[in-house]
Amino acid sequence: MCSPGGTNFAFPVVGGVIQSRNLTPDKTGLPEGGRTLEEFITIMRTGKDLDHIHPPCPTVGTDGCILPTVGDGDLLQVMPWPFFANLSDYDLRAIYEFLKAIPCIAYTPGTPGLLPVVYNTCK
């Protein structure tokens, strides 16, 4: 079974915590928030956060950004993308097709103020 996201990670983030993302298909039927295969491969190979939920802080204390000690806000902070970066296109497509085949799990963060604010609606 695939997780609908929402696992909290104890990184110091202004205004909340970093949560895992929902990888199940959304109302479009595409996994990871309606991502195309090409976007999915980019995420898996580079760790680029296409949602840009945790932008780098211009100054400490800016709401919604990662404190400088956490790392690059343009990258997914808890996804092990370096492990997936060298998978073949075939392997990444197989993961993508698996994620497309599982049922949508709607997700709305249960605690207001927690990051990321990524919702998944099935209808």
PDB file of N, CA and C in Angstrom:
ATOM      1  N   MET A   1       0.840  -1.181   0.000  1.00  0.00           N
ATOM      2  CA  MET A   1       0.000   0.000   0.000  1.00  0.00           C
ATOM      3  C   MET A   1       0.881   1.239   0.000  1.00  0.00           C
ATOM      4  N   CYS A   2       0.438   2.242  -0.675  1.00  0.00           N
ATOM      5  CA  CYS A   2       1.184   3.489  -0.771  1.00  0.00           C
ATOM      6  C   CYS A   2       0.648   4.489   0.245  1.00  0.00           C
ATOM      7  N   SER A   3       1.530   5.212   0.861  1.00  0.00           N
ATOM      8  CA  SER A   3       1.147   6.186   1.877  1.00  0.00           C
ATOM      9  C   SER A   3       0.547   7.435   1.252  1.00  0.00           C
ATOM     10  N   PRO A   4      -0.483   8.014   1.901  1.00  0.00           N
ATOM     11  CA  PRO A   4      -1.035   9.269   1.412  1.00  0.00           C
ATOM     12  C   PRO A   4      -0.190  10.463   1.830  1.00  0.00           C
ATOM     13  N   GLY A   5       1.002  10.229   2.326  1.00  0.00           N
ATOM     14  CA  GLY A   5       1.848  11.328   2.775  1.00  0.00           C
ATOM     15  C   GLY A   5       1.480  11.742   4.182  1.00  0.00           C
ATOM     16  N   GLY A   6       2.101  12.823   4.616  1.00  0.00           N
ATOM     17  CA  GLY A   6       1.781  13.365   5.919  1.00  0.00           C
ATOM     18  C   GLY A   6       2.650  12.885   7.063  1.00  0.00           C
ATOM     19  N   THR A   7       3.672  12.038   6.777  1.00  0.00           N
ATOM     20  CA  THR A   7       4.591  11.649   7.837  1.00  0.00           C
ATOM     21  C   THR A   7       5.448  12.851   8.191  1.00  0.00           C
ATOM     22  N   ASN A   8       5.496  13.192   9.468  1.00  0.00           N
ATOM     23  CA  ASN A   8       6.276  14.345   9.909  1.00  0.00           C
ATOM     24  C   ASN A   8       7.739  13.969  10.103  1.00  0.00           C
ATOM     25  N   PHE A   9       8.621  14.857   9.679  1.00  0.00           N
ATOM     26  CA  PHE A   9      10.046  14.709   9.889  1.00  0.00           C
ATOM     27  C   PHE A   9      10.510  15.872  10.749  1.00  0.00           C
ATOM     28  N   ALA A  10      11.393  15.603  11.677  1.00  0.00           N
ATOM     29  CA  ALA A  10      11.782  16.597  12.683  1.00  0.00           C
ATOM     30  C   ALA A  10      12.909  17.498  12.199  1.00  0.00           C
ATOM     31  N   PHE A  11      12.684  18.197  11.098  1.00  0.00           N
ATOM     32  CA  PHE A  11      13.643  19.184  10.634  1.00  0.00           C
ATOM     33  C   PHE A  11      13.183  20.561  11.093  1.00  0.00           C
ATOM     34  N   PRO A  12      14.099  21.457  11.415  1.00  0.00           N
ATOM     35  CA  PRO A  12      13.690  22.793  11.872  1.00  0.00           C
ATOM     36  C   PRO A  12      13.195  23.646  10.709  1.00  0.00           C
ATOM     37  N   VAL A  13      11.883  23.761  10.588  1.00  0.00           N
ATOM     38  CA  VAL A  13      11.277  24.559   9.537  1.00  0.00           C
ATOM     39  C   VAL A  13      10.452  25.649  10.180  1.00  0.00           C
ATOM     40  N   VAL A  14      10.605  26.852   9.698  1.00  0.00           N
ATOM     41  CA  VAL A  14       9.825  27.958  10.219  1.00  0.00           C
ATOM     42  C   VAL A  14       8.356  27.690   9.930  1.00  0.00           C
ATOM     43  N   GLY A  15       7.522  27.706  10.949  1.00  0.00           N
ATOM     44  CA  GLY A  15       6.090  27.559  10.769  1.00  0.00           C
ATOM     45  C   GLY A  15       5.587  26.131  10.726  1.00  0.00           C
ATOM     46  N   GLY A  16       6.427  25.136  11.014  1.00  0.00           N
ATOM     47  CA  GLY A  16       5.923  23.777  11.017  1.00  0.00           C
ATOM     48  C   GLY A  16       7.015  22.749  10.864  1.00  0.00           C
ATOM     49  N   VAL A  17       6.659  21.637  10.256  1.00  0.00           N
ATOM     50  CA  VAL A  17       7.599  20.546  10.022  1.00  0.00           C
ATOM     51  C   VAL A  17       7.510  20.145   8.553  1.00  0.00           C
ATOM     52  N   ILE A  18       8.503  19.406   8.091  1.00  0.00           N
ATOM     53  CA  ILE A  18       8.457  18.868   6.734  1.00  0.00           C
ATOM     54  C   ILE A  18       7.677  17.564   6.790  1.00  0.00           C
ATOM     55  N   GLN A  19       6.753  17.390   5.852  1.00  0.00           N
ATOM     56  CA  GLN A  19       5.963  16.173   5.765  1.00  0.00           C
ATOM     57  C   GLN A  19       6.235  15.472   4.447  1.00  0.00           C
ATOM     58  N   SER A  20       6.112  14.135   4.472  1.00  0.00           N
ATOM     59  CA  SER A  20       6.249  13.380   3.232  1.00  0.00           C
ATOM     60  C   SER A  20       5.075  13.704   2.310  1.00  0.00           C
ATOM     61  N   ARG A  21       5.293  13.514   1.023  1.00  0.00           N
ATOM     62  CA  ARG A  21       4.282  13.841   0.006  1.00  0.00           C
ATOM     63  C   ARG A  21       3.396  12.641  -0.286  1.00  0.00           C
ATOM     64  N   ASN A  22       2.224  12.925  -0.796  1.00  0.00           N
ATOM     65  CA  ASN A  22       1.280  11.900  -1.228  1.00  0.00           C
ATOM     66  C   ASN A  22       1.660  11.503  -2.652  1.00  0.00           C
ATOM     67  N   LEU A  23       1.992  10.244  -2.863  1.00  0.00           N
ATOM     68  CA  LEU A  23       2.405   9.774  -4.181  1.00  0.00           C
ATOM     69  C   LEU A  23       1.259   9.144  -4.964  1.00  0.00           C
ATOM     70  N   THR A  24       0.098   8.967  -4.320  1.00  0.00           N
ATOM     71  CA  THR A  24      -1.022   8.336  -5.013  1.00  0.00           C
ATOM     72  C   THR A  24      -1.565   9.277  -6.089  1.00  0.00           C
ATOM     73  N   PRO A  25      -2.267   8.719  -7.083  1.00  0.00           N
ATOM     74  CA  PRO A  25      -2.828   9.568  -8.134  1.00  0.00           C
ATOM     75  C   PRO A  25      -3.816  10.579  -7.562  1.00  0.00           C
ATOM     76  N   ASP A  26      -3.906  11.721  -8.213  1.00  0.00           N
ATOM     77  CA  ASP A  26      -4.907  12.711  -7.825  1.00  0.00           C
ATOM     78  C   ASP A  26      -6.102  12.575  -8.765  1.00  0.00           C
ATOM     79  N   LYS A  27      -6.956  13.589  -8.822  1.00  0.00           N
ATOM     80  CA  LYS A  27      -8.163  13.516  -9.656  1.00  0.00           C
ATOM     81  C   LYS A  27      -7.860  13.391 -11.141  1.00  0.00           C
ATOM     82  N   THR A  28      -6.643  13.723 -11.569  1.00  0.00           N
ATOM     83  CA  THR A  28      -6.268  13.561 -12.975  1.00  0.00           C
ATOM     84  C   THR A  28      -5.913  12.122 -13.308  1.00  0.00           C
ATOM     85  N   GLY A  29      -5.686  11.289 -12.279  1.00  0.00           N
ATOM     86  CA  GLY A  29      -5.252   9.915 -12.478  1.00  0.00           C
ATOM     87  C   GLY A  29      -3.751   9.772 -12.577  1.00  0.00           C
ATOM     88  N   LEU A  30      -3.041  10.901 -12.485  1.00  0.00           N
ATOM     89  CA  LEU A  30      -1.580  10.868 -12.547  1.00  0.00           C
ATOM     90  C   LEU A  30      -1.014  10.906 -11.126  1.00  0.00           C
ATOM     91  N   PRO A  31       0.076  10.156 -10.877  1.00  0.00           N
ATOM     92  CA  PRO A  31       0.633  10.096  -9.530  1.00  0.00           C
ATOM     93  C   PRO A  31       1.345  11.380  -9.119  1.00  0.00           C
ATOM     94  N   GLU A  32       1.651  11.433  -7.829  1.00  0.00           N
ATOM     95  CA  GLU A  32       2.442  12.517  -7.237  1.00  0.00           C
ATOM     96  C   GLU A  32       1.884  13.885  -7.606  1.00  0.00           C
ATOM     97  N   GLY A  33       0.607  14.061  -7.306  1.00  0.00           N
ATOM     98  CA  GLY A  33       0.003  15.369  -7.517  1.00  0.00           C
ATOM     99  C   GLY A  33      -0.258  15.737  -8.959  1.00  0.00           C
ATOM    100  N   GLY A  34      -0.463  14.733  -9.824  1.00  0.00           N
ATOM    101  CA  GLY A  34      -0.772  15.011 -11.225  1.00  0.00           C
ATOM    102  C   GLY A  34       0.454  15.229 -12.092  1.00  0.00           C
ATOM    103  N   ARG A  35       1.587  14.670 -11.684  1.00  0.00           N
ATOM    104  CA  ARG A  35       2.831  14.842 -12.450  1.00  0.00           C
ATOM    105  C   ARG A  35       2.849  13.979 -13.699  1.00  0.00           C
ATOM    106  N   THR A  36       3.394  14.534 -14.767  1.00  0.00           N
ATOM    107  CA  THR A  36       3.618  13.761 -15.985  1.00  0.00           C
ATOM    108  C   THR A  36       4.807  12.836 -15.761  1.00  0.00           C
ATOM    109  N   LEU A  37       4.978  11.878 -16.654  1.00  0.00           N
ATOM    110  CA  LEU A  37       6.129  10.983 -16.569  1.00  0.00           C
ATOM    111  C   LEU A  37       7.426  11.784 -16.611  1.00  0.00           C
ATOM    112  N   GLU A  38       7.497  12.770 -17.480  1.00  0.00           N
ATOM    113  CA  GLU A  38       8.712  13.567 -17.616  1.00  0.00           C
ATOM    114  C   GLU A  38       9.022  14.333 -16.316  1.00  0.00           C
ATOM    115  N   GLU A  39       7.989  14.915 -15.697  1.00  0.00           N
ATOM    116  CA  GLU A  39       8.186  15.613 -14.421  1.00  0.00           C
ATOM    117  C   GLU A  39       8.623  14.632 -13.340  1.00  0.00           C
ATOM    118  N   PHE A  40       7.993  13.466 -13.314  1.00  0.00           N
ATOM    119  CA  PHE A  40       8.331  12.438 -12.337  1.00  0.00           C
ATOM    120  C   PHE A  40       9.797  12.023 -12.464  1.00  0.00           C
ATOM    121  N   ILE A  41      10.248  11.801 -13.695  1.00  0.00           N
ATOM    122  CA  ILE A  41      11.643  11.416 -13.914  1.00  0.00           C
ATOM    123  C   ILE A  41      12.582  12.530 -13.453  1.00  0.00           C
ATOM    124  N   THR A  42      12.235  13.779 -13.721  1.00  0.00           N
ATOM    125  CA  THR A  42      13.049  14.909 -13.249  1.00  0.00           C
ATOM    126  C   THR A  42      13.149  14.901 -11.730  1.00  0.00           C
ATOM    127  N   ILE A  43      12.021  14.708 -11.056  1.00  0.00           N
ATOM    128  CA  ILE A  43      12.014  14.667  -9.588  1.00  0.00           C
ATOM    129  C   ILE A  43      12.893  13.524  -9.089  1.00  0.00           C
ATOM    130  N   MET A  44      12.721  12.355  -9.666  1.00  0.00           N
ATOM    131  CA  MET A  44      13.457  11.174  -9.205  1.00  0.00           C
ATOM    132  C   MET A  44      14.953  11.278  -9.474  1.00  0.00           C
ATOM    133  N   ARG A  45      15.335  11.951 -10.531  1.00  0.00           N
ATOM    134  CA  ARG A  45      16.761  12.041 -10.868  1.00  0.00           C
ATOM    135  C   ARG A  45      17.471  13.221 -10.202  1.00  0.00           C
ATOM    136  N   THR A  46      16.728  14.292  -9.932  1.00  0.00           N
ATOM    137  CA  THR A  46      17.381  15.512  -9.437  1.00  0.00           C
ATOM    138  C   THR A  46      16.954  15.925  -8.034  1.00  0.00           C
ATOM    139  N   GLY A  47      15.824  15.394  -7.552  1.00  0.00           N
ATOM    140  CA  GLY A  47      15.309  15.809  -6.257  1.00  0.00           C
ATOM    141  C   GLY A  47      14.661  17.180  -6.270  1.00  0.00           C
ATOM    142  N   LYS A  48      14.478  17.747  -7.456  1.00  0.00           N
ATOM    143  CA  LYS A  48      13.896  19.084  -7.573  1.00  0.00           C
ATOM    144  C   LYS A  48      12.473  19.093  -7.036  1.00  0.00           C
ATOM    145  N   ASP A  49      12.172  20.069  -6.184  1.00  0.00           N
ATOM    146  CA  ASP A  49      10.841  20.218  -5.607  1.00  0.00           C
ATOM    147  C   ASP A  49      10.010  21.090  -6.545  1.00  0.00           C
ATOM    148  N   LEU A  50       9.227  20.463  -7.413  1.00  0.00           N
ATOM    149  CA  LEU A  50       8.427  21.214  -8.383  1.00  0.00           C
ATOM    150  C   LEU A  50       7.306  21.997  -7.720  1.00  0.00           C
ATOM    151  N   ASP A  51       6.906  21.595  -6.506  1.00  0.00           N
ATOM    152  CA  ASP A  51       5.899  22.346  -5.755  1.00  0.00           C
ATOM    153  C   ASP A  51       6.516  23.558  -5.069  1.00  0.00           C
ATOM    154  N   HIS A  52       7.809  23.536  -4.892  1.00  0.00           N
ATOM    155  CA  HIS A  52       8.570  24.620  -4.259  1.00  0.00           C
ATOM    156  C   HIS A  52       7.917  25.070  -2.940  1.00  0.00           C
ATOM    157  N   ILE A  53       7.596  24.078  -2.119  1.00  0.00           N
ATOM    158  CA  ILE A  53       6.909  24.345  -0.862  1.00  0.00           C
ATOM    159  C   ILE A  53       7.842  24.909   0.197  1.00  0.00           C
ATOM    160  N   HIS A  54       9.084  24.507   0.165  1.00  0.00           N
ATOM    161  CA  HIS A  54      10.043  24.965   1.171  1.00  0.00           C
ATOM    162  C   HIS A  54      11.120  25.820   0.513  1.00  0.00           C
ATOM    163  N   PRO A  55      10.785  27.041   0.099  1.00  0.00           N
ATOM    164  CA  PRO A  55      11.798  27.868  -0.559  1.00  0.00           C
ATOM    165  C   PRO A  55      12.908  28.244   0.411  1.00  0.00           C
ATOM    166  N   PRO A  56      14.106  28.489  -0.101  1.00  0.00           N
ATOM    167  CA  PRO A  56      15.196  28.905   0.786  1.00  0.00           C
ATOM    168  C   PRO A  56      14.842  30.227   1.467  1.00  0.00           C
ATOM    169  N   CYS A  57      15.326  30.404   2.677  1.00  0.00           N
ATOM    170  CA  CYS A  57      15.045  31.635   3.423  1.00  0.00           C
ATOM    171  C   CYS A  57      15.956  32.759   2.958  1.00  0.00           C
ATOM    172  N   PRO A  58      15.383  33.908   2.604  1.00  0.00           N
ATOM    173  CA  PRO A  58      16.243  35.059   2.346  1.00  0.00           C
ATOM    174  C   PRO A  58      16.855  35.563   3.653  1.00  0.00           C
ATOM    175  N   THR A  59      16.088  35.443   4.734  1.00  0.00           N
ATOM    176  CA  THR A  59      16.580  35.751   6.080  1.00  0.00           C
ATOM    177  C   THR A  59      15.921  34.772   7.032  1.00  0.00           C
ATOM    178  N   VAL A  60      16.584  34.445   8.120  1.00  0.00           N
ATOM    179  CA  VAL A  60      16.000  33.539   9.103  1.00  0.00           C
ATOM    180  C   VAL A  60      14.747  34.193   9.662  1.00  0.00           C
ATOM    181  N   GLY A  61      13.681  33.413   9.759  1.00  0.00           N
ATOM    182  CA  GLY A  61      12.441  33.915  10.310  1.00  0.00           C
ATOM    183  C   GLY A  61      11.371  34.172   9.272  1.00  0.00           C
ATOM    184  N   THR A  62      11.692  34.010   7.995  1.00  0.00           N
ATOM    185  CA  THR A  62      10.700  34.200   6.951  1.00  0.00           C
ATOM    186  C   THR A  62       9.751  33.006   6.959  1.00  0.00           C
ATOM    187  N   ASP A  63       8.452  33.263   7.029  1.00  0.00           N
ATOM    188  CA  ASP A  63       7.471  32.180   7.107  1.00  0.00           C
ATOM    189  C   ASP A  63       7.532  31.279   5.879  1.00  0.00           C
ATOM    190  N   GLY A  64       7.446  29.971   6.122  1.00  0.00           N
ATOM    191  CA  GLY A  64       7.328  28.993   5.061  1.00  0.00           C
ATOM    192  C   GLY A  64       8.620  28.582   4.398  1.00  0.00           C
ATOM    193  N   CYS A  65       9.752  29.076   4.845  1.00  0.00           N
ATOM    194  CA  CYS A  65      11.002  28.674   4.199  1.00  0.00           C
ATOM    195  C   CYS A  65      11.847  27.858   5.162  1.00  0.00           C
ATOM    196  N   ILE A  66      12.798  27.149   4.604  1.00  0.00           N
ATOM    197  CA  ILE A  66      13.658  26.280   5.385  1.00  0.00           C
ATOM    198  C   ILE A  66      14.780  27.100   6.009  1.00  0.00           C
ATOM    199  N   LEU A  67      15.037  26.847   7.269  1.00  0.00           N
ATOM    200  CA  LEU A  67      16.180  27.495   7.904  1.00  0.00           C
ATOM    201  C   LEU A  67      17.451  27.077   7.176  1.00  0.00           C
ATOM    202  N   PRO A  68      18.437  27.945   7.062  1.00  0.00           N
ATOM    203  CA  PRO A  68      19.635  27.641   6.275  1.00  0.00           C
ATOM    204  C   PRO A  68      20.362  26.368   6.694  1.00  0.00           C
ATOM    205  N   THR A  69      20.177  25.912   7.938  1.00  0.00           N
ATOM    206  CA  THR A  69      20.878  24.711   8.383  1.00  0.00           C
ATOM    207  C   THR A  69      20.313  23.431   7.784  1.00  0.00           C
ATOM    208  N   VAL A  70      19.106  23.473   7.213  1.00  0.00           N
ATOM    209  CA  VAL A  70      18.495  22.273   6.660  1.00  0.00           C
ATOM    210  C   VAL A  70      19.051  21.955   5.283  1.00  0.00           C
ATOM    211  N   GLY A  71      19.209  22.933   4.447  1.00  0.00           N
ATOM    212  CA  GLY A  71      19.739  22.662   3.117  1.00  0.00           C
ATOM    213  C   GLY A  71      19.060  23.487   2.055  1.00  0.00           C
ATOM    214  N   ASP A  72      19.188  23.030   0.845  1.00  0.00           N
ATOM    215  CA  ASP A  72      18.680  23.720  -0.330  1.00  0.00           C
ATOM    216  C   ASP A  72      17.165  23.563  -0.398  1.00  0.00           C
ATOM    217  N   GLY A  73      16.436  24.656  -0.299  1.00  0.00           N
ATOM    218  CA  GLY A  73      14.983  24.624  -0.339  1.00  0.00           C
ATOM    219  C   GLY A  73      14.410  24.253  -1.684  1.00  0.00           C
ATOM    220  N   ASP A  74      15.232  24.228  -2.726  1.00  0.00           N
ATOM    221  CA  ASP A  74      14.758  23.820  -4.047  1.00  0.00           C
ATOM    222  C   ASP A  74      14.755  22.302  -4.207  1.00  0.00           C
ATOM    223  N   LEU A  75      15.302  21.596  -3.200  1.00  0.00           N
ATOM    224  CA  LEU A  75      15.358  20.136  -3.255  1.00  0.00           C
ATOM    225  C   LEU A  75      14.410  19.527  -2.244  1.00  0.00           C
ATOM    226  N   LEU A  76      13.898  18.348  -2.571  1.00  0.00           N
ATOM    227  CA  LEU A  76      13.082  17.594  -1.626  1.00  0.00           C
ATOM    228  C   LEU A  76      13.979  17.165  -0.477  1.00  0.00           C
ATOM    229  N   GLN A  77      13.582  17.485   0.740  1.00  0.00           N
ATOM    230  CA  GLN A  77      14.458  17.321   1.891  1.00  0.00           C
ATOM    231  C   GLN A  77      14.499  15.912   2.462  1.00  0.00           C
ATOM    232  N   VAL A  78      13.449  15.122   2.296  1.00  0.00           N
ATOM    233  CA  VAL A  78      13.434  13.797   2.904  1.00  0.00           C
ATOM    234  C   VAL A  78      13.360  12.668   1.875  1.00  0.00           C
ATOM    235  N   MET A  79      13.323  13.007   0.610  1.00  0.00           N
ATOM    236  CA  MET A  79      13.268  11.979  -0.422  1.00  0.00           C
ATOM    237  C   MET A  79      14.680  11.521  -0.778  1.00  0.00           C
ATOM    238  N   PRO A  80      14.909  10.210  -0.807  1.00  0.00           N
ATOM    239  CA  PRO A  80      16.251   9.706  -1.135  1.00  0.00           C
ATOM    240  C   PRO A  80      16.514   9.691  -2.638  1.00  0.00           C
ATOM    241  N   TRP A  81      16.357  10.849  -3.284  1.00  0.00           N
ATOM    242  CA  TRP A  81      16.501  10.904  -4.743  1.00  0.00           C
ATOM    243  C   TRP A  81      17.879  10.493  -5.232  1.00  0.00           C
ATOM    244  N   PRO A  82      18.985  10.700  -4.480  1.00  0.00           N
ATOM    245  CA  PRO A  82      20.275  10.213  -5.011  1.00  0.00           C
ATOM    246  C   PRO A  82      20.273   8.707  -5.262  1.00  0.00           C
ATOM    247  N   PHE A  83      19.489   7.966  -4.484  1.00  0.00           N
ATOM    248  CA  PHE A  83      19.378   6.527  -4.691  1.00  0.00           C
ATOM    249  C   PHE A  83      18.687   6.217  -6.016  1.00  0.00           C
ATOM    250  N   PHE A  84      17.674   7.005  -6.365  1.00  0.00           N
ATOM    251  CA  PHE A  84      16.889   6.770  -7.574  1.00  0.00           C
ATOM    252  C   PHE A  84      17.503   7.409  -8.818  1.00  0.00           C
ATOM    253  N   ALA A  85      18.439   8.306  -8.657  1.00  0.00           N
ATOM    254  CA  ALA A  85      18.970   9.112  -9.761  1.00  0.00           C
ATOM    255  C   ALA A  85      19.556   8.276 -10.895  1.00  0.00           C
ATOM    256  N   ASN A  86      20.113   7.128 -10.581  1.00  0.00           N
ATOM    257  CA  ASN A  86      20.773   6.325 -11.613  1.00  0.00           C
ATOM    258  C   ASN A  86      19.923   5.181 -12.149  1.00  0.00           C
ATOM    259  N   LEU A  87      18.646   5.144 -11.764  1.00  0.00           N
ATOM    260  CA  LEU A  87      17.777   4.123 -12.328  1.00  0.00           C
ATOM    261  C   LEU A  87      17.548   4.397 -13.813  1.00  0.00           C
ATOM    262  N   SER A  88      17.305   3.352 -14.555  1.00  0.00           N
ATOM    263  CA  SER A  88      17.059   3.513 -15.992  1.00  0.00           C
ATOM    264  C   SER A  88      15.691   4.154 -16.218  1.00  0.00           C
ATOM    265  N   ASP A  89      15.492   4.682 -17.415  1.00  0.00           N
ATOM    266  CA  ASP A  89      14.187   5.214 -17.780  1.00  0.00           C
ATOM    267  C   ASP A  89      13.114   4.131 -17.638  1.00  0.00           C
ATOM    268  N   TYR A  90      13.461   2.911 -17.998  1.00  0.00           N
ATOM    269  CA  TYR A  90      12.535   1.790 -17.898  1.00  0.00           C
ATOM    270  C   TYR A  90      12.112   1.578 -16.444  1.00  0.00           C
ATOM    271  N   ASP A  91      13.082   1.571 -15.530  1.00  0.00           N
ATOM    272  CA  ASP A  91      12.777   1.370 -14.108  1.00  0.00           C
ATOM    273  C   ASP A  91      11.912   2.508 -13.558  1.00  0.00           C
ATOM    274  N   LEU A  92      12.232   3.747 -13.916  1.00  0.00           N
ATOM    275  CA  LEU A  92      11.458   4.884 -13.423  1.00  0.00           C
ATOM    276  C   LEU A  92      10.045   4.871 -13.999  1.00  0.00           C
ATOM    277  N   ARG A  93       9.916   4.459 -15.253  1.00  0.00           N
ATOM    278  CA  ARG A  93       8.576   4.351 -15.832  1.00  0.00           C
ATOM    279  C   ARG A  93       7.769   3.262 -15.123  1.00  0.00           C
ATOM    280  N   ALA A  94       8.426   2.161 -14.754  1.00  0.00           N
ATOM    281  CA  ALA A  94       7.736   1.085 -14.037  1.00  0.00           C
ATOM    282  C   ALA A  94       7.217   1.584 -12.686  1.00  0.00           C
ATOM    283  N   ILE A  95       8.007   2.374 -11.967  1.00  0.00           N
ATOM    284  CA  ILE A  95       7.561   2.952 -10.695  1.00  0.00           C
ATOM    285  C   ILE A  95       6.382   3.884 -10.942  1.00  0.00           C
ATOM    286  N   TYR A  96       6.498   4.714 -11.966  1.00  0.00           N
ATOM    287  CA  TYR A  96       5.431   5.665 -12.311  1.00  0.00           C
ATOM    288  C   TYR A  96       4.132   4.926 -12.639  1.00  0.00           C
ATOM    289  N   GLU A  97       4.226   3.880 -13.461  1.00  0.00           N
ATOM    290  CA  GLU A  97       3.032   3.120 -13.841  1.00  0.00           C
ATOM    291  C   GLU A  97       2.424   2.419 -12.634  1.00  0.00           C
ATOM    292  N   PHE A  98       3.260   1.937 -11.717  1.00  0.00           N
ATOM    293  CA  PHE A  98       2.733   1.340 -10.484  1.00  0.00           C
ATOM    294  C   PHE A  98       1.957   2.383  -9.688  1.00  0.00           C
ATOM    295  N   LEU A  99       2.533   3.568  -9.533  1.00  0.00           N
ATOM    296  CA  LEU A  99       1.858   4.622  -8.774  1.00  0.00           C
ATOM    297  C   LEU A  99       0.547   5.040  -9.450  1.00  0.00           C
ATOM    298  N   LYS A 100       0.502   5.018 -10.783  1.00  0.00           N
ATOM    299  CA  LYS A 100      -0.733   5.334 -11.512  1.00  0.00           C
ATOM    300  C   LYS A 100      -1.812   4.288 -11.262  1.00  0.00           C
ATOM    301  N   ALA A 101      -1.403   3.047 -11.035  1.00  0.00           N
ATOM    302  CA  ALA A 101      -2.353   1.936 -10.922  1.00  0.00           C
ATOM    303  C   ALA A 101      -2.988   1.810  -9.543  1.00  0.00           C
ATOM    304  N   ILE A 102      -2.424   2.429  -8.534  1.00  0.00           N
ATOM    305  CA  ILE A 102      -2.998   2.297  -7.193  1.00  0.00           C
ATOM    306  C   ILE A 102      -4.117   3.313  -7.005  1.00  0.00           C
ATOM    307  N   PRO A 103      -5.030   3.056  -6.097  1.00  0.00           N
ATOM    308  CA  PRO A 103      -6.151   3.981  -5.896  1.00  0.00           C
ATOM    309  C   PRO A 103      -5.692   5.317  -5.314  1.00  0.00           C
ATOM    310  N   CYS A 104      -6.429   6.347  -5.682  1.00  0.00           N
ATOM    311  CA  CYS A 104      -6.206   7.673  -5.108  1.00  0.00           C
ATOM    312  C   CYS A 104      -6.538   7.631  -3.624  1.00  0.00           C
ATOM    313  N   ILE A 105      -5.723   8.263  -2.834  1.00  0.00           N
ATOM    314  CA  ILE A 105      -6.017   8.457  -1.416  1.00  0.00           C
ATOM    315  C   ILE A 105      -6.039   9.960  -1.191  1.00  0.00           C
ATOM    316  N   ALA A 106      -7.223  10.485  -0.893  1.00  0.00           N
ATOM    317  CA  ALA A 106      -7.352  11.923  -0.655  1.00  0.00           C
ATOM    318  C   ALA A 106      -6.576  12.287   0.604  1.00  0.00           C
ATOM    319  N   TYR A 107      -5.976  13.454   0.602  1.00  0.00           N
ATOM    320  CA  TYR A 107      -5.209  13.890   1.763  1.00  0.00           C
ATOM    321  C   TYR A 107      -5.370  15.382   1.966  1.00  0.00           C
ATOM    322  N   THR A 108      -5.711  15.726   3.183  1.00  0.00           N
ATOM    323  CA  THR A 108      -5.731  17.108   3.631  1.00  0.00           C
ATOM    324  C   THR A 108      -4.998  17.122   4.956  1.00  0.00           C
ATOM    325  N   PRO A 109      -4.000  17.975   5.120  1.00  0.00           N
ATOM    326  CA  PRO A 109      -3.278  17.993   6.388  1.00  0.00           C
ATOM    327  C   PRO A 109      -4.241  18.163   7.560  1.00  0.00           C
ATOM    328  N   GLY A 110      -4.071  17.317   8.584  1.00  0.00           N
ATOM    329  CA  GLY A 110      -4.966  17.354   9.728  1.00  0.00           C
ATOM    330  C   GLY A 110      -4.658  18.470  10.711  1.00  0.00           C
ATOM    331  N   THR A 111      -3.438  18.945  10.708  1.00  0.00           N
ATOM    332  CA  THR A 111      -3.053  19.986  11.647  1.00  0.00           C
ATOM    333  C   THR A 111      -2.760  21.265  10.883  1.00  0.00           C
ATOM    334  N   PRO A 112      -3.567  22.320  11.086  1.00  0.00           N
ATOM    335  CA  PRO A 112      -3.307  23.580  10.379  1.00  0.00           C
ATOM    336  C   PRO A 112      -1.904  24.096  10.678  1.00  0.00           C
ATOM    337  N   GLY A 113      -1.272  24.653   9.662  1.00  0.00           N
ATOM    338  CA  GLY A 113       0.039  25.256   9.851  1.00  0.00           C
ATOM    339  C   GLY A 113       1.205  24.338   9.555  1.00  0.00           C
ATOM    340  N   LEU A 114       0.943  23.019   9.396  1.00  0.00           N
ATOM    341  CA  LEU A 114       2.044  22.125   9.081  1.00  0.00           C
ATOM    342  C   LEU A 114       2.379  22.237   7.602  1.00  0.00           C
ATOM    343  N   LEU A 115       3.646  22.099   7.291  1.00  0.00           N
ATOM    344  CA  LEU A 115       4.110  22.134   5.910  1.00  0.00           C
ATOM    345  C   LEU A 115       4.394  20.714   5.466  1.00  0.00           C
ATOM    346  N   PRO A 116       4.293  20.354   4.213  1.00  0.00           N
ATOM    347  CA  PRO A 116       3.845  21.172   3.105  1.00  0.00           C
ATOM    348  C   PRO A 116       2.329  21.240   3.040  1.00  0.00           C
ATOM    349  N   VAL A 117       1.850  22.241   2.393  1.00  0.00           N
ATOM    350  CA  VAL A 117       0.413  22.392   2.199  1.00  0.00           C
ATOM    351  C   VAL A 117       0.100  21.814   0.815  1.00  0.00           C
ATOM    352  N   VAL A 118       0.180  20.500   0.703  1.00  0.00           N
ATOM    353  CA  VAL A 118      -0.119  19.810  -0.543  1.00  0.00           C
ATOM    354  C   VAL A 118      -1.334  18.952  -0.276  1.00  0.00           C
ATOM    355  N   TYR A 119      -2.388  19.198  -1.025  1.00  0.00           N
ATOM    356  CA  TYR A 119      -3.627  18.456  -0.863  1.00  0.00           C
ATOM    357  C   TYR A 119      -3.780  17.517  -2.040  1.00  0.00           C
ATOM    358  N   ASN A 120      -4.472  16.425  -1.823  1.00  0.00           N
ATOM    359  CA  ASN A 120      -4.742  15.489  -2.903  1.00  0.00           C
ATOM    360  C   ASN A 120      -6.237  15.216  -2.910  1.00  0.00           C
ATOM    361  N   THR A 121      -6.895  15.588  -3.993  1.00  0.00           N
ATOM    362  CA  THR A 121      -8.315  15.310  -4.116  1.00  0.00           C
ATOM    363  C   THR A 121      -8.520  14.262  -5.191  1.00  0.00           C
ATOM    364  N   CYS A 122      -9.445  13.367  -4.933  1.00  0.00           N
ATOM    365  CA  CYS A 122      -9.687  12.255  -5.851  1.00  0.00           C
ATOM    366  C   CYS A 122     -10.797  12.537  -6.842  1.00  0.00           C
ATOM    367  N   LYS A 123     -11.613  13.529  -6.564  1.00  0.00           N
ATOM    368  CA  LYS A 123     -12.734  13.825  -7.459  1.00  0.00           C
ATOM    369  C   LYS A 123     -12.737  15.283  -7.824  1.00  0.00           C
TER     370      LYS A 123
END
